[in-house]
Structures are given as C-alpha cells and as structure tokens.
C-alpha cells in the first residue's frame, strides 16, 4: 500500500511527463481553504483523498 505522501510525489514527479509536458508551474497549498478546515497533522491524506484542486494556488 502506498502512503498519501508517496502518491503526491508520484503525481508531482511523474505527472507532467505522463501528460507529455516537460514541466509545469509550481503550486502552493492554501491551508486556509474551506476544504481543509479542521485538518490537523496529515495534510497529505487530505490533499489526496479529501479535497479538490481549488486548494492549490500559484506559487
């Protein structure tokens, strides 16, 4: 079984290549987003299984 952190790494490291892109823009997580309210500790799991892409903002 893969951890949420490992899944995020695969997506970040391999995602652009899988889409035929050489790179993509850096993003940051908006920890104040309503989808992440109440999340304490394991933010990686919340990002993989508990929220949409709208928690990401341009870095």
C-alpha atoms as a PDB file:
ATOM      1  CA  UNK A   1       0.000   0.000   0.000  1.00  0.00           C
ATOM      2  CA  UNK A   2       1.281   3.466  -0.869  1.00  0.00           C
ATOM      3  CA  UNK A   3       1.145   6.380   1.536  1.00  0.00           C
ATOM      4  CA  UNK A   4      -0.558   9.628   0.603  1.00  0.00           C
ATOM      5  CA  UNK A   5       2.829  11.348   0.648  1.00  0.00           C
ATOM      6  CA  UNK A   6       4.216   8.811  -1.847  1.00  0.00           C
ATOM      7  CA  UNK A   7       1.173   9.233  -4.126  1.00  0.00           C
ATOM      8  CA  UNK A   8       1.675  13.005  -4.120  1.00  0.00           C
ATOM      9  CA  UNK A   9       5.341  12.535  -5.015  1.00  0.00           C
ATOM     10  CA  UNK A  10       4.451  10.253  -7.920  1.00  0.00           C
ATOM     11  CA  UNK A  11       1.908  12.772  -9.167  1.00  0.00           C
ATOM     12  CA  UNK A  12       4.319  15.676  -8.882  1.00  0.00           C
ATOM     13  CA  UNK A  13       7.365  13.863 -10.246  1.00  0.00           C
ATOM     14  CA  UNK A  14       5.743  11.810 -12.989  1.00  0.00           C
ATOM     15  CA  UNK A  15       2.527  13.692 -13.735  1.00  0.00           C
ATOM     16  CA  UNK A  16       3.897  16.239 -16.196  1.00  0.00           C
ATOM     17  CA  UNK A  17       5.791  13.560 -18.106  1.00  0.00           C
ATOM     18  CA  UNK A  18       2.714  11.350 -18.290  1.00  0.00           C
ATOM     19  CA  UNK A  19       0.878  14.269 -19.895  1.00  0.00           C
ATOM     20  CA  UNK A  20       3.684  14.893 -22.366  1.00  0.00           C
ATOM     21  CA  UNK A  21       4.846  18.076 -20.628  1.00  0.00           C
ATOM     22  CA  UNK A  22       8.448  18.869 -19.793  1.00  0.00           C
ATOM     23  CA  UNK A  23       7.390  20.738 -16.648  1.00  0.00           C
ATOM     24  CA  UNK A  24       4.517  22.593 -15.046  1.00  0.00           C
ATOM     25  CA  UNK A  25       4.126  25.608 -12.817  1.00  0.00           C
ATOM     26  CA  UNK A  26       4.819  25.319  -9.094  1.00  0.00           C
ATOM     27  CA  UNK A  27       1.801  25.497  -6.822  1.00  0.00           C
ATOM     28  CA  UNK A  28       1.225  26.037  -3.124  1.00  0.00           C
ATOM     29  CA  UNK A  29      -1.498  24.658  -0.882  1.00  0.00           C
ATOM     30  CA  UNK A  30      -3.935  27.182   0.544  1.00  0.00           C
ATOM     31  CA  UNK A  31      -4.136  25.780   4.066  1.00  0.00           C
ATOM     32  CA  UNK A  32      -6.932  28.253   4.862  1.00  0.00           C
ATOM     33  CA  UNK A  33      -9.219  26.807   2.149  1.00  0.00           C
ATOM     34  CA  UNK A  34     -12.614  25.646   3.412  1.00  0.00           C
ATOM     35  CA  UNK A  35     -11.952  22.092   2.187  1.00  0.00           C
ATOM     36  CA  UNK A  36      -9.024  21.821   4.592  1.00  0.00           C
ATOM     37  CA  UNK A  37     -10.714  23.255   7.673  1.00  0.00           C
ATOM     38  CA  UNK A  38     -10.231  21.038  10.670  1.00  0.00           C
ATOM     39  CA  UNK A  39      -7.408  19.024   9.108  1.00  0.00           C
ATOM     40  CA  UNK A  40      -4.644  18.563  11.611  1.00  0.00           C
ATOM     41  CA  UNK A  41      -1.450  16.647  11.047  1.00  0.00           C
ATOM     42  CA  UNK A  42      -1.725  14.566   7.874  1.00  0.00           C
ATOM     43  CA  UNK A  43      -2.286  17.203   5.218  1.00  0.00           C
ATOM     44  CA  UNK A  44      -1.072  14.750   2.542  1.00  0.00           C
ATOM     45  CA  UNK A  45      -4.076  12.457   3.057  1.00  0.00           C
ATOM     46  CA  UNK A  46      -6.447  15.406   2.858  1.00  0.00           C
ATOM     47  CA  UNK A  47      -4.861  16.504  -0.417  1.00  0.00           C
ATOM     48  CA  UNK A  48      -5.065  13.040  -1.980  1.00  0.00           C
ATOM     49  CA  UNK A  49      -8.454  11.881  -0.725  1.00  0.00           C
ATOM     50  CA  UNK A  50     -10.359  14.793   0.737  1.00  0.00           C
ATOM     51  CA  UNK A  51     -10.366  17.912  -1.416  1.00  0.00           C
ATOM     52  CA  UNK A  52     -10.444  19.315  -4.918  1.00  0.00           C
ATOM     53  CA  UNK A  53      -7.826  21.103  -6.968  1.00  0.00           C
ATOM     54  CA  UNK A  54      -9.146  24.500  -5.860  1.00  0.00           C
ATOM     55  CA  UNK A  55      -7.000  24.239  -2.711  1.00  0.00           C
ATOM     56  CA  UNK A  56      -3.951  24.826  -4.924  1.00  0.00           C
ATOM     57  CA  UNK A  57      -2.724  28.322  -5.813  1.00  0.00           C
ATOM     58  CA  UNK A  58       0.144  29.507  -7.992  1.00  0.00           C
ATOM     59  CA  UNK A  59       3.405  29.675  -6.085  1.00  0.00           C
END
